[in-house]
Amino acid sequence: MPGMRIGAADVPWRAVAAVVLAGAAFGAGWTANGWRKDAEIAELTAARARADLTTANQAIGELRAASADIRARADEYRGISTQLDAAASAIRKELKNAKPLPADCRPDDFRVRKLSDAVDAAKQAAAAR
């Protein structure tokens, strides 16, 4: 077993030091490259986030415009329906209080005019939809 034992003088320290130094240089380079790649990924992520923010802000603007349009049309509808309800109520009241016509009689001009007005109002309401 005397040949199995290696002494400190027999180890090529320069070669070991060169390998250790090369390994340390490789590890340092690997780490620096990782930092550089992490910075690039962070920059790409930030650019993507800015693009998404721009798209989201544009969509929010479109949504605000659409909601304002919907609100305006709903207000317009409320106004029209209030007017139509008042007109229909007045017509109902007039027809309810009117004297009935005999079966062989033709309606007078006033009643024909009121019926025509009611038909016109209904047509306008249908066209507004």
Protein backbone atom coordinates (compact mmCIF):
# COMPACT_ATOMS: atom_id res chain seq x y z
CA MET A 1 0.00 0.00 0.00
CA PRO A 2 2.87 2.34 -0.02
CA GLY A 3 2.17 3.21 -3.66
CA MET A 4 -1.42 4.27 -2.92
CA ARG A 5 -0.49 7.14 -0.75
CA ILE A 6 0.00 10.42 -2.58
CA GLY A 7 1.95 13.12 -0.91
CA ALA A 8 1.29 16.83 -0.95
CA ALA A 9 4.34 17.28 -3.09
CA ASP A 10 2.98 14.94 -5.77
CA VAL A 11 -0.30 16.94 -6.35
CA PRO A 12 -0.05 19.38 -9.29
CA TRP A 13 -1.20 22.50 -7.40
CA ARG A 14 -0.87 24.75 -10.38
CA ALA A 15 -3.29 22.62 -12.40
CA VAL A 16 -5.73 22.46 -9.46
CA ALA A 17 -5.50 26.23 -9.00
CA ALA A 18 -6.07 26.77 -12.74
CA VAL A 19 -9.17 24.53 -12.66
CA VAL A 20 -10.54 26.27 -9.55
CA LEU A 21 -9.83 29.69 -11.08
CA ALA A 22 -11.49 28.67 -14.35
CA GLY A 23 -14.51 27.36 -12.41
CA ALA A 24 -14.76 30.61 -10.43
CA ALA A 25 -14.49 32.68 -13.63
CA PHE A 26 -17.19 30.53 -15.26
CA GLY A 27 -19.48 30.90 -12.22
CA ALA A 28 -18.94 34.68 -12.14
CA GLY A 29 -19.70 34.93 -15.86
CA TRP A 30 -22.78 32.75 -15.45
CA THR A 31 -24.04 34.96 -12.61
CA ALA A 32 -23.37 38.19 -14.52
CA ASN A 33 -25.16 36.81 -17.59
CA GLY A 34 -28.12 35.83 -15.38
CA TRP A 35 -28.31 39.37 -14.02
CA ARG A 36 -28.22 40.77 -17.56
CA LYS A 37 -30.97 38.41 -18.72
CA ASP A 38 -33.05 39.24 -15.62
CA ALA A 39 -32.73 42.95 -16.49
CA GLU A 40 -33.83 42.28 -20.09
CA ILE A 41 -36.81 40.24 -18.90
CA ALA A 42 -37.79 42.99 -16.45
CA GLU A 43 -37.57 45.58 -19.24
CA LEU A 44 -39.74 43.44 -21.55
CA THR A 45 -42.25 42.87 -18.75
CA ALA A 46 -42.43 46.61 -18.06
CA ALA A 47 -42.95 47.36 -21.76
CA ARG A 48 -45.73 44.78 -21.92
CA ALA A 49 -47.34 46.26 -18.80
CA ARG A 50 -47.22 49.75 -20.34
CA ALA A 51 -48.85 48.44 -23.52
CA ASP A 52 -51.54 46.66 -21.49
CA LEU A 53 -52.15 49.85 -19.51
CA THR A 54 -52.56 51.85 -22.71
CA THR A 55 -55.02 49.29 -24.06
CA ALA A 56 -56.95 49.24 -20.78
CA ASN A 57 -57.13 53.05 -20.64
CA GLN A 58 -58.43 53.12 -24.21
CA ALA A 59 -61.07 50.50 -23.37
CA ILE A 60 -62.09 52.47 -20.27
CA GLY A 61 -62.47 55.61 -22.39
CA GLU A 62 -64.65 53.75 -24.88
CA LEU A 63 -66.70 52.31 -22.02
CA ARG A 64 -67.22 55.78 -20.53
CA ALA A 65 -68.36 57.14 -23.89
CA ALA A 66 -70.73 54.21 -24.38
CA SER A 67 -72.17 54.57 -20.88
CA ALA A 68 -72.72 58.31 -21.43
CA ASP A 69 -74.51 57.51 -24.69
CA ILE A 70 -76.65 54.87 -22.96
CA ARG A 71 -77.47 57.30 -20.16
CA ALA A 72 -78.47 60.01 -22.65
CA ARG A 73 -80.67 57.61 -24.59
CA ALA A 74 -82.27 56.33 -21.39
CA ASP A 75 -83.07 59.90 -20.35
CA GLU A 76 -84.51 60.55 -23.79
CA TYR A 77 -86.60 57.38 -23.54
CA ARG A 78 -87.89 58.41 -20.12
CA GLY A 79 -88.94 61.78 -21.51
CA ILE A 80 -90.66 60.22 -24.51
CA SER A 81 -92.40 57.56 -22.44
CA THR A 82 -93.61 60.21 -19.98
CA GLN A 83 -95.05 62.23 -22.86
CA LEU A 84 -96.64 59.14 -24.40
CA ASP A 85 -98.10 58.05 -21.08
CA ALA A 86 -99.60 61.50 -20.58
CA ALA A 87 -101.01 61.54 -24.12
CA ALA A 88 -102.40 58.01 -23.78
CA SER A 89 -103.92 58.86 -20.42
CA ALA A 90 -105.57 61.95 -21.88
CA ILE A 91 -106.91 59.95 -24.81
CA ARG A 92 -108.24 57.23 -22.48
CA LYS A 93 -109.91 59.85 -20.32
CA GLU A 94 -111.50 61.55 -23.34
CA LEU A 95 -112.70 58.26 -24.78
CA LYS A 96 -114.03 57.13 -21.43
CA ASN A 97 -115.96 60.39 -20.93
CA ALA A 98 -117.17 60.57 -24.53
CA LYS A 99 -120.77 59.76 -25.33
CA PRO A 100 -121.08 56.45 -27.15
CA LEU A 101 -121.98 56.57 -30.78
CA PRO A 102 -125.07 54.90 -32.14
CA ALA A 103 -124.33 51.81 -34.21
CA ASP A 104 -125.39 53.39 -37.51
CA CYS A 105 -123.52 56.67 -36.93
CA ARG A 106 -120.18 57.77 -38.30
CA PRO A 107 -117.65 59.34 -35.88
CA ASP A 108 -117.33 63.10 -35.92
CA ASP A 109 -114.20 64.96 -37.03
CA PHE A 110 -113.03 65.50 -33.46
CA ARG A 111 -112.96 61.77 -32.70
CA VAL A 112 -111.35 60.93 -36.00
CA ARG A 113 -108.68 63.56 -35.32
CA LYS A 114 -108.02 62.16 -31.83
CA LEU A 115 -107.75 58.62 -33.17
CA SER A 116 -105.40 59.80 -35.94
CA ASP A 117 -103.27 61.63 -33.35
CA ALA A 118 -103.09 58.47 -31.25
CA VAL A 119 -102.06 56.41 -34.27
CA ASP A 120 -99.40 58.99 -35.21
CA ALA A 121 -98.04 59.02 -31.64
CA ALA A 122 -97.83 55.21 -31.66
CA LYS A 123 -96.01 55.26 -35.00
CA GLN A 124 -93.53 57.86 -33.73
CA ALA A 125 -92.89 55.79 -30.61
CA ALA A 126 -92.29 52.70 -32.73
CA ALA A 127 -89.96 54.61 -35.06
CA ALA A 128 -87.97 55.99 -32.10
CA ARG A 129 -87.03 52.49 -31.03
